[in-house]
Amino acid sequence: MAKAKQRSSRKTAPKRKPRGDKQEKIEELPPVALLDDMGECTPAFKRALVQLFARFDEDRDRLLNEEELKKYSLVCNGEGNGFSEEELNDIKEFFDWKDSPEGTGLTLRGWLQLYMTQTQGREDDTWEDLTKMGYDSQLKLRTPYSLKAEGELKAKLEELIKLGEEGKLVEFIDAFVMSDVDQEDRDAFRDRLSGVGAEEGSSPDDPGQILGLLAELRCCLTGTNVTKVEGDLEDGPLEFTFDSPAPGLEMVERGVVFVKEDGRWCVEG
């Protein structure tokens, strides 16, 4: 499923000191065991896998067909890194696959076999998959677990992306930043977004410029490349962590923190 990565870490906006209980992160407990002493799935792990199987069994035929498996692999591995035909053929060959007039696809038994096999050899990959699908270290679903913006934040991101695409940088910045950002900092931010003072030969997809920033906002909007979402979906703060969408920087981990100020979503920092 997920491919192991070595990451560096960069953030879209600097974080401020916590303000109130909602911004305090809960320390996670040590991860629970995924396999028992016999190498079989523990009850908690099996329950999570059954939930995931049901989540991606869109046609409710109790099988994961090729299309459903590809959708799952894209969520785990990111856009452009779905299962190849060779990988799908391996799944059909080595795990319980049903091919009959009633339906074709990986059975729940095969799904459990697949993850049991992966976990025996690459447990870190399994935890990465589980984290991307919204599970914490105790195999409980976090809130939110969809790994993409919903509700008012979704509408806000759509507004920001539209303003950025139309080149309305002043309006974009007013909607993007918190009210306590002074005019001097707003002007400097606008210059960076428009490329004023950029070094010759710099990439237009640099995360400090508008195209790169819009690409990162699209990650939060669609869930593409998002590996973790933490916080309060309704009132903030809400932090998205994702693999950089910039070409050549896929191994760089990025992040953005959204907060709610006087009822409106904006970006912290």
C-alpha atoms as a PDB file:
ATOM      1  CA  MET A   1       0.000   0.000   0.000  1.00  0.00           C
ATOM      2  CA  ALA A   2       1.806   3.110   1.184  1.00  0.00           C
ATOM      3  CA  LYS A   3       5.426   3.458   0.181  1.00  0.00           C
ATOM      4  CA  ALA A   4       8.039   4.195   2.842  1.00  0.00           C
ATOM      5  CA  LYS A   5       9.416   7.719   2.670  1.00  0.00           C
ATOM      6  CA  GLN A   6      12.160   9.778   4.219  1.00  0.00           C
ATOM      7  CA  ARG A   7      10.833  13.217   4.926  1.00  0.00           C
ATOM      8  CA  SER A   8      12.035  16.682   5.624  1.00  0.00           C
ATOM      9  CA  SER A   9       9.563  19.050   7.203  1.00  0.00           C
ATOM     10  CA  ARG A  10       8.402  22.510   6.121  1.00  0.00           C
ATOM     11  CA  LYS A  11       5.329  24.466   7.124  1.00  0.00           C
ATOM     12  CA  THR A  12       3.227  26.875   5.074  1.00  0.00           C
ATOM     13  CA  ALA A  13       2.821  29.307   7.954  1.00  0.00           C
ATOM     14  CA  PRO A  14       4.568  29.613  11.322  1.00  0.00           C
ATOM     15  CA  LYS A  15       2.536  28.464  14.267  1.00  0.00           C
ATOM     16  CA  ARG A  16       1.664  30.795  17.095  1.00  0.00           C
ATOM     17  CA  LYS A  17       1.575  29.865  20.739  1.00  0.00           C
ATOM     18  CA  PRO A  18      -1.533  27.939  21.794  1.00  0.00           C
ATOM     19  CA  ARG A  19      -4.490  30.075  22.738  1.00  0.00           C
ATOM     20  CA  GLY A  20      -6.933  28.079  24.817  1.00  0.00           C
ATOM     21  CA  ASP A  21      -7.602  24.427  25.425  1.00  0.00           C
ATOM     22  CA  LYS A  22      -8.704  23.673  21.859  1.00  0.00           C
ATOM     23  CA  GLN A  23      -5.203  24.257  20.558  1.00  0.00           C
ATOM     24  CA  GLU A  24      -3.544  21.856  22.969  1.00  0.00           C
ATOM     25  CA  LYS A  25      -2.666  18.582  21.293  1.00  0.00           C
ATOM     26  CA  ILE A  26      -3.332  15.373  23.119  1.00  0.00           C
ATOM     27  CA  GLU A  27      -0.279  13.205  23.455  1.00  0.00           C
ATOM     28  CA  GLU A  28      -0.836   9.933  21.674  1.00  0.00           C
ATOM     29  CA  LEU A  29      -0.443   6.692  23.552  1.00  0.00           C
ATOM     30  CA  PRO A  30       2.014   4.065  22.299  1.00  0.00           C
ATOM     31  CA  PRO A  31       0.528   2.279  19.269  1.00  0.00           C
ATOM     32  CA  VAL A  32      -1.457  -0.873  19.908  1.00  0.00           C
ATOM     33  CA  ALA A  33      -0.333  -4.197  18.479  1.00  0.00           C
ATOM     34  CA  LEU A  34      -1.533  -5.017  14.968  1.00  0.00           C
ATOM     35  CA  LEU A  35      -0.597  -8.699  15.041  1.00  0.00           C
ATOM     36  CA  ASP A  36      -0.737 -11.241  17.844  1.00  0.00           C
ATOM     37  CA  ASP A  37       1.967 -13.739  18.820  1.00  0.00           C
ATOM     38  CA  MET A  38       0.827 -16.068  16.037  1.00  0.00           C
ATOM     39  CA  GLY A  39       1.177 -13.340  13.389  1.00  0.00           C
ATOM     40  CA  GLU A  40      -2.599 -12.993  13.004  1.00  0.00           C
ATOM     41  CA  CYS A  41      -4.543  -9.729  13.020  1.00  0.00           C
ATOM     42  CA  THR A  42      -5.521  -8.564  16.487  1.00  0.00           C
ATOM     43  CA  PRO A  43      -9.252  -7.916  17.058  1.00  0.00           C
ATOM     44  CA  ALA A  44      -8.736  -4.123  16.974  1.00  0.00           C
ATOM     45  CA  PHE A  45      -6.730  -4.293  13.741  1.00  0.00           C
ATOM     46  CA  LYS A  46      -9.259  -6.637  12.132  1.00  0.00           C
ATOM     47  CA  ARG A  47     -12.099  -4.290  13.101  1.00  0.00           C
ATOM     48  CA  ALA A  48     -10.309  -1.336  11.450  1.00  0.00           C
ATOM     49  CA  LEU A  49      -9.644  -3.362   8.295  1.00  0.00           C
ATOM     50  CA  VAL A  50     -13.294  -4.439   8.088  1.00  0.00           C
ATOM     51  CA  GLN A  51     -14.321  -0.769   8.389  1.00  0.00           C
ATOM     52  CA  LEU A  52     -11.931   0.208   5.590  1.00  0.00           C
ATOM     53  CA  PHE A  53     -13.131  -2.635   3.396  1.00  0.00           C
ATOM     54  CA  ALA A  54     -16.725  -1.425   3.810  1.00  0.00           C
ATOM     55  CA  ARG A  55     -15.729   2.190   3.170  1.00  0.00           C
ATOM     56  CA  PHE A  56     -14.290   1.386  -0.259  1.00  0.00           C
ATOM     57  CA  ASP A  57     -16.802  -1.280  -1.271  1.00  0.00           C
ATOM     58  CA  GLU A  58     -18.848   1.325  -3.121  1.00  0.00           C
ATOM     59  CA  ASP A  59     -21.187  -1.093  -4.898  1.00  0.00           C
ATOM     60  CA  ARG A  60     -21.779  -3.072  -1.678  1.00  0.00           C
ATOM     61  CA  ASP A  61     -21.115  -6.442  -3.308  1.00  0.00           C
ATOM     62  CA  ARG A  62     -18.733  -7.490  -0.486  1.00  0.00           C
ATOM     63  CA  LEU A  63     -15.810  -7.416  -2.905  1.00  0.00           C
ATOM     64  CA  LEU A  64     -13.186  -4.820  -3.769  1.00  0.00           C
ATOM     65  CA  ASN A  65     -12.972  -4.730  -7.549  1.00  0.00           C
ATOM     66  CA  GLU A  66     -10.028  -3.264  -9.463  1.00  0.00           C
ATOM     67  CA  GLU A  67     -11.509   0.233  -9.570  1.00  0.00           C
ATOM     68  CA  GLU A  68     -12.229   0.255  -5.844  1.00  0.00           C
ATOM     69  CA  LEU A  69      -8.725  -1.014  -5.064  1.00  0.00           C
ATOM     70  CA  LYS A  70      -7.213   1.696  -7.257  1.00  0.00           C
ATOM     71  CA  LYS A  71      -9.196   4.371  -5.430  1.00  0.00           C
ATOM     72  CA  TYR A  72      -7.984   3.027  -2.121  1.00  0.00           C
ATOM     73  CA  SER A  73      -4.351   2.953  -3.257  1.00  0.00           C
ATOM     74  CA  LEU A  74      -4.588   6.556  -4.488  1.00  0.00           C
ATOM     75  CA  VAL A  75      -5.771   7.673  -1.054  1.00  0.00           C
ATOM     76  CA  CYS A  76      -2.890   5.812   0.607  1.00  0.00           C
ATOM     77  CA  ASN A  77      -0.114   6.560  -1.854  1.00  0.00           C
ATOM     78  CA  GLY A  78      -1.154   9.880  -3.386  1.00  0.00           C
ATOM     79  CA  GLU A  79      -2.163  10.976  -6.875  1.00  0.00           C
ATOM     80  CA  GLY A  80      -0.274   9.134  -9.580  1.00  0.00           C
ATOM     81  CA  ASN A  81       0.823   6.335  -7.243  1.00  0.00           C
ATOM     82  CA  GLY A  82      -2.120   3.968  -7.468  1.00  0.00           C
ATOM     83  CA  PHE A  83      -1.817   0.227  -7.962  1.00  0.00           C
ATOM     84  CA  SER A  84      -0.205  -0.732 -11.252  1.00  0.00           C
ATOM     85  CA  GLU A  85      -1.581  -3.546 -13.386  1.00  0.00           C
ATOM     86  CA  GLU A  86       1.297  -5.729 -12.185  1.00  0.00           C
ATOM     87  CA  GLU A  87       0.445  -5.043  -8.551  1.00  0.00           C
ATOM     88  CA  LEU A  88      -3.224  -5.795  -9.163  1.00  0.00           C
ATOM     89  CA  ASN A  89      -2.260  -9.075 -10.832  1.00  0.00           C
ATOM     90  CA  ASP A  90      -0.144  -9.967  -7.786  1.00  0.00           C
ATOM     91  CA  ILE A  91      -3.131  -9.302  -5.524  1.00  0.00           C
ATOM     92  CA  LYS A  92      -5.282 -11.585  -7.657  1.00  0.00           C
ATOM     93  CA  GLU A  93      -2.646 -14.323  -7.607  1.00  0.00           C
ATOM     94  CA  PHE A  94      -1.608 -14.329  -3.954  1.00  0.00           C
ATOM     95  CA  PHE A  95      -4.760 -13.324  -2.054  1.00  0.00           C
ATOM     96  CA  ASP A  96      -8.341 -14.543  -1.992  1.00  0.00           C
ATOM     97  CA  TRP A  97      -9.877 -13.183  -5.209  1.00  0.00           C
ATOM     98  CA  LYS A  98     -13.363 -14.055  -6.402  1.00  0.00           C
ATOM     99  CA  ASP A  99     -14.180 -14.199 -10.091  1.00  0.00           C
ATOM    100  CA  SER A 100     -17.739 -15.297 -10.763  1.00  0.00           C
ATOM    101  CA  PRO A 101     -20.965 -14.125 -12.419  1.00  0.00           C
ATOM    102  CA  GLU A 102     -22.065 -12.750  -9.043  1.00  0.00           C
ATOM    103  CA  GLY A 103     -19.080 -10.438  -8.778  1.00  0.00           C
ATOM    104  CA  THR A 104     -15.343 -10.031  -9.207  1.00  0.00           C
ATOM    105  CA  GLY A 105     -12.869  -8.680  -6.702  1.00  0.00           C
ATOM    106  CA  LEU A 106     -10.827  -9.126  -3.548  1.00  0.00           C
ATOM    107  CA  THR A 107     -12.813 -10.764  -0.766  1.00  0.00           C
ATOM    108  CA  LEU A 108     -12.754  -9.599   2.840  1.00  0.00           C
ATOM    109  CA  ARG A 109     -10.642 -12.662   3.600  1.00  0.00           C
ATOM    110  CA  GLY A 110      -8.192 -11.621   0.860  1.00  0.00           C
ATOM    111  CA  TRP A 111      -8.126  -8.061   2.184  1.00  0.00           C
ATOM    112  CA  LEU A 112      -7.190  -9.326   5.645  1.00  0.00           C
ATOM    113  CA  GLN A 113      -4.560 -11.619   4.108  1.00  0.00           C
ATOM    114  CA  LEU A 114      -3.070  -8.703   2.164  1.00  0.00           C
ATOM    115  CA  TYR A 115      -2.695  -6.518   5.225  1.00  0.00           C
ATOM    116  CA  MET A 116      -1.516  -9.311   7.464  1.00  0.00           C
ATOM    117  CA  THR A 117       1.232 -10.080   4.942  1.00  0.00           C
ATOM    118  CA  GLN A 118       2.246  -6.419   4.601  1.00  0.00           C
ATOM    119  CA  THR A 119       2.297  -5.917   8.359  1.00  0.00           C
ATOM    120  CA  GLN A 120       4.480  -8.945   8.941  1.00  0.00           C
ATOM    121  CA  GLY A 121       7.136  -7.450   6.675  1.00  0.00           C
ATOM    122  CA  ARG A 122       6.537  -3.692   6.749  1.00  0.00           C
ATOM    123  CA  GLU A 123       4.527  -2.638   9.775  1.00  0.00           C
ATOM    124  CA  ASP A 124       5.494   1.033   9.321  1.00  0.00           C
ATOM    125  CA  ASP A 125       3.783   1.009   5.917  1.00  0.00           C
ATOM    126  CA  THR A 126       0.619  -0.335   7.499  1.00  0.00           C
ATOM    127  CA  TRP A 127       0.631   2.374  10.158  1.00  0.00           C
ATOM    128  CA  GLU A 128       1.117   4.987   7.438  1.00  0.00           C
ATOM    129  CA  ASP A 129      -1.929   3.621   5.606  1.00  0.00           C
ATOM    130  CA  LEU A 130      -4.002   3.601   8.786  1.00  0.00           C
ATOM    131  CA  THR A 131      -2.980   7.150   9.668  1.00  0.00           C
ATOM    132  CA  LYS A 132      -3.917   8.432   6.206  1.00  0.00           C
ATOM    133  CA  MET A 133      -7.298   6.755   6.562  1.00  0.00           C
ATOM    134  CA  GLY A 134      -7.951   8.573   9.837  1.00  0.00           C
ATOM    135  CA  TYR A 135      -6.947   6.109  12.558  1.00  0.00           C
ATOM    136  CA  ASP A 136      -4.957   7.073  15.642  1.00  0.00           C
ATOM    137  CA  SER A 137      -2.414   4.961  17.508  1.00  0.00           C
ATOM    138  CA  GLN A 138      -5.230   3.123  19.311  1.00  0.00           C
ATOM    139  CA  LEU A 139      -6.951   2.277  16.005  1.00  0.00           C
ATOM    140  CA  LYS A 140      -9.777   4.678  16.730  1.00  0.00           C
ATOM    141  CA  LEU A 141     -11.060   7.014  14.033  1.00  0.00           C
ATOM    142  CA  ARG A 142     -10.073  10.610  14.537  1.00  0.00           C
ATOM    143  CA  THR A 143     -12.435  13.498  13.840  1.00  0.00           C
ATOM    144  CA  PRO A 144     -12.345  14.531  11.103  1.00  0.00           C
ATOM    145  CA  TYR A 145     -11.183  11.379   9.352  1.00  0.00           C
ATOM    146  CA  SER A 146     -11.983  12.246   5.734  1.00  0.00           C
ATOM    147  CA  LEU A 147      -8.591  14.009   5.350  1.00  0.00           C
ATOM    148  CA  LYS A 148     -10.120  16.873   3.393  1.00  0.00           C
ATOM    149  CA  ALA A 149     -11.918  20.122   4.128  1.00  0.00           C
ATOM    150  CA  GLU A 150     -15.649  20.053   4.744  1.00  0.00           C
ATOM    151  CA  GLY A 151     -18.415  22.588   5.299  1.00  0.00           C
ATOM    152  CA  GLU A 152     -17.444  26.232   5.839  1.00  0.00           C
ATOM    153  CA  LEU A 153     -13.733  25.515   5.450  1.00  0.00           C
ATOM    154  CA  LYS A 154     -14.380  23.831   2.103  1.00  0.00           C
ATOM    155  CA  ALA A 155     -16.248  26.925   0.920  1.00  0.00           C
ATOM    156  CA  LYS A 156     -13.423  29.137   2.174  1.00  0.00           C
ATOM    157  CA  LEU A 157     -10.796  27.155   0.283  1.00  0.00           C
ATOM    158  CA  GLU A 158     -12.867  27.300  -2.890  1.00  0.00           C
ATOM    159  CA  GLU A 159     -13.083  31.098  -2.471  1.00  0.00           C
ATOM    160  CA  LEU A 160      -9.322  31.421  -1.912  1.00  0.00           C
ATOM    161  CA  ILE A 161      -8.468  29.250  -4.913  1.00  0.00           C
ATOM    162  CA  LYS A 162     -10.826  31.259  -7.144  1.00  0.00           C
ATOM    163  CA  LEU A 163      -9.317  34.586  -6.016  1.00  0.00           C
ATOM    164  CA  GLY A 164      -5.806  33.266  -6.560  1.00  0.00           C
ATOM    165  CA  GLU A 165      -6.576  31.893 -10.010  1.00  0.00           C
ATOM    166  CA  GLU A 166      -8.084  35.254 -10.999  1.00  0.00           C
ATOM    167  CA  GLY A 167      -4.956  37.072  -9.814  1.00  0.00           C
ATOM    168  CA  LYS A 168      -6.830  39.088  -7.169  1.00  0.00           C
ATOM    169  CA  LEU A 169      -3.950  39.000  -4.706  1.00  0.00           C
ATOM    170  CA  VAL A 170      -5.137  41.824  -2.419  1.00  0.00           C
ATOM    171  CA  GLU A 171      -8.510  40.144  -1.947  1.00  0.00           C
ATOM    172  CA  PHE A 172      -6.793  36.761  -1.610  1.00  0.00           C
ATOM    173  CA  ILE A 173      -4.541  38.023   1.179  1.00  0.00           C
ATOM    174  CA  ASP A 174      -7.418  39.723   3.008  1.00  0.00           C
ATOM    175  CA  ALA A 175      -9.294  36.423   3.004  1.00  0.00           C
ATOM    176  CA  PHE A 176      -6.186  34.326   3.758  1.00  0.00           C
ATOM    177  CA  VAL A 177      -4.485  36.024   6.724  1.00  0.00           C
ATOM    178  CA  MET A 178      -5.631  36.897  10.225  1.00  0.00           C
ATOM    179  CA  SER A 179      -6.797  40.449  10.972  1.00  0.00           C
ATOM    180  CA  ASP A 180      -3.750  41.275  13.134  1.00  0.00           C
ATOM    181  CA  VAL A 181      -1.342  40.995  10.160  1.00  0.00           C
ATOM    182  CA  ASP A 182      -0.272  44.594   9.485  1.00  0.00           C
ATOM    183  CA  GLN A 183      -0.180  46.278   6.085  1.00  0.00           C
ATOM    184  CA  GLU A 184       3.599  46.079   5.746  1.00  0.00           C
ATOM    185  CA  ASP A 185       3.499  42.296   6.136  1.00  0.00           C
ATOM    186  CA  ARG A 186       0.538  42.073   3.745  1.00  0.00           C
ATOM    187  CA  ASP A 187       2.458  44.025   1.099  1.00  0.00           C
ATOM    188  CA  ALA A 188       5.514  41.813   1.533  1.00  0.00           C
ATOM    189  CA  PHE A 189       3.339  38.718   1.267  1.00  0.00           C
ATOM    190  CA  ARG A 190       1.770  40.062  -1.935  1.00  0.00           C
ATOM    191  CA  ASP A 191       5.231  40.659  -3.422  1.00  0.00           C
ATOM    192  CA  ARG A 192       6.241  37.063  -2.633  1.00  0.00           C
ATOM    193  CA  LEU A 193       3.054  35.674  -4.141  1.00  0.00           C
ATOM    194  CA  SER A 194       3.454  37.711  -7.323  1.00  0.00           C
ATOM    195  CA  GLY A 195       7.126  36.800  -7.640  1.00  0.00           C
ATOM    196  CA  VAL A 196       8.522  40.282  -7.020  1.00  0.00           C
ATOM    197  CA  GLY A 197      12.141  39.899  -6.041  1.00  0.00           C
ATOM    198  CA  ALA A 198      12.224  36.192  -6.909  1.00  0.00           C
ATOM    199  CA  GLU A 199      15.580  34.812  -7.978  1.00  0.00           C
ATOM    200  CA  GLU A 200      16.112  34.304 -11.695  1.00  0.00           C
ATOM    201  CA  GLY A 201      15.297  30.742 -12.709  1.00  0.00           C
ATOM    202  CA  SER A 202      13.175  30.028  -9.631  1.00  0.00           C
ATOM    203  CA  SER A 203      10.313  27.625 -10.158  1.00  0.00           C
ATOM    204  CA  PRO A 204       6.781  29.047 -10.549  1.00  0.00           C
ATOM    205  CA  ASP A 205       5.685  26.151  -8.357  1.00  0.00           C
ATOM    206  CA  ASP A 206       7.839  27.316  -5.432  1.00  0.00           C
ATOM    207  CA  PRO A 207       5.608  27.056  -2.330  1.00  0.00           C
ATOM    208  CA  GLY A 208       6.355  30.738  -1.589  1.00  0.00           C
ATOM    209  CA  GLN A 209       4.603  31.872  -4.781  1.00  0.00           C
ATOM    210  CA  ILE A 210       0.943  31.860  -5.676  1.00  0.00           C
ATOM    211  CA  LEU A 211       0.909  28.731  -7.882  1.00  0.00           C
ATOM    212  CA  GLY A 212       2.586  26.661  -5.206  1.00  0.00           C
ATOM    213  CA  LEU A 213       0.326  28.001  -2.488  1.00  0.00           C
ATOM    214  CA  LEU A 214      -2.808  27.316  -4.552  1.00  0.00           C
ATOM    215  CA  ALA A 215      -1.589  23.749  -5.153  1.00  0.00           C
ATOM    216  CA  GLU A 216      -1.261  23.259  -1.404  1.00  0.00           C
ATOM    217  CA  LEU A 217      -4.725  24.680  -0.743  1.00  0.00           C
ATOM    218  CA  ARG A 218      -6.096  22.220  -3.326  1.00  0.00           C
ATOM    219  CA  CYS A 219      -4.492  19.395  -1.332  1.00  0.00           C
ATOM    220  CA  CYS A 220      -6.496  20.505   1.716  1.00  0.00           C
ATOM    221  CA  LEU A 221      -9.658  20.905  -0.368  1.00  0.00           C
ATOM    222  CA  THR A 222      -9.512  17.509  -2.080  1.00  0.00           C
ATOM    223  CA  GLY A 223      -7.484  15.403   0.360  1.00  0.00           C
ATOM    224  CA  THR A 224      -4.833  14.706  -2.304  1.00  0.00           C
ATOM    225  CA  ASN A 225      -1.464  13.839  -0.676  1.00  0.00           C
ATOM    226  CA  VAL A 226      -2.885  14.595   2.793  1.00  0.00           C
ATOM    227  CA  THR A 227      -1.439  12.293   5.433  1.00  0.00           C
ATOM    228  CA  LYS A 228      -2.984  13.677   8.604  1.00  0.00           C
ATOM    229  CA  VAL A 229      -5.656  16.099   9.826  1.00  0.00           C
ATOM    230  CA  GLU A 230      -5.742  17.155  13.469  1.00  0.00           C
ATOM    231  CA  GLY A 231      -7.934  19.583  15.348  1.00  0.00           C
ATOM    232  CA  ASP A 232     -11.480  20.889  15.542  1.00  0.00           C
ATOM    233  CA  LEU A 233     -13.422  20.714  12.271  1.00  0.00           C
ATOM    234  CA  GLU A 234     -16.060  23.191  13.441  1.00  0.00           C
ATOM    235  CA  ASP A 235     -14.175  25.841  15.404  1.00  0.00           C
ATOM    236  CA  GLY A 236     -10.486  25.254  14.682  1.00  0.00           C
ATOM    237  CA  PRO A 237      -7.612  25.201  14.863  1.00  0.00           C
ATOM    238  CA  LEU A 238      -7.339  22.524  12.181  1.00  0.00           C
ATOM    239  CA  GLU A 239      -3.958  21.361  10.902  1.00  0.00           C
ATOM    240  CA  PHE A 240      -3.430  19.601   7.562  1.00  0.00           C
ATOM    241  CA  THR A 241      -0.185  17.704   6.925  1.00  0.00           C
ATOM    242  CA  PHE A 242       0.550  16.601   3.366  1.00  0.00           C
ATOM    243  CA  ASP A 243       3.269  15.626   0.910  1.00  0.00           C
ATOM    244  CA  SER A 244       4.337  18.624  -1.156  1.00  0.00           C
ATOM    245  CA  PRO A 245       2.512  18.843  -4.520  1.00  0.00           C
ATOM    246  CA  ALA A 246       5.489  20.679  -6.084  1.00  0.00           C
ATOM    247  CA  PRO A 247       7.314  18.619  -8.736  1.00  0.00           C
ATOM    248  CA  GLY A 248      10.549  17.211  -7.359  1.00  0.00           C
ATOM    249  CA  LEU A 249       9.584  17.984  -3.756  1.00  0.00           C
ATOM    250  CA  GLU A 250       7.255  15.018  -3.159  1.00  0.00           C
ATOM    251  CA  MET A 251       9.417  13.826  -0.252  1.00  0.00           C
ATOM    252  CA  VAL A 252       8.979  17.137   1.578  1.00  0.00           C
ATOM    253  CA  GLU A 253       6.273  17.222   4.225  1.00  0.00           C
ATOM    254  CA  ARG A 254       4.215  20.411   4.277  1.00  0.00           C
ATOM    255  CA  GLY A 255       1.593  21.713   6.657  1.00  0.00           C
ATOM    256  CA  VAL A 256      -0.961  24.472   7.102  1.00  0.00           C
ATOM    257  CA  VAL A 257      -2.974  25.459  10.171  1.00  0.00           C
ATOM    258  CA  PHE A 258      -6.439  26.969   9.743  1.00  0.00           C
ATOM    259  CA  VAL A 259      -8.032  28.946  12.567  1.00  0.00           C
ATOM    260  CA  LYS A 260     -11.403  30.592  13.022  1.00  0.00           C
ATOM    261  CA  GLU A 261     -11.367  34.316  13.790  1.00  0.00           C
ATOM    262  CA  ASP A 262     -14.673  36.071  14.446  1.00  0.00           C
ATOM    263  CA  GLY A 263     -16.511  33.287  12.644  1.00  0.00           C
ATOM    264  CA  ARG A 264     -14.322  33.196   9.521  1.00  0.00           C
ATOM    265  CA  TRP A 265     -11.646  30.694   8.561  1.00  0.00           C
ATOM    266  CA  CYS A 266      -8.137  32.003   7.887  1.00  0.00           C
ATOM    267  CA  VAL A 267      -4.567  30.734   8.064  1.00  0.00           C
ATOM    268  CA  GLU A 268      -2.558  30.980  11.249  1.00  0.00           C
ATOM    269  CA  GLY A 269       0.764  32.771  11.141  1.00  0.00           C
END
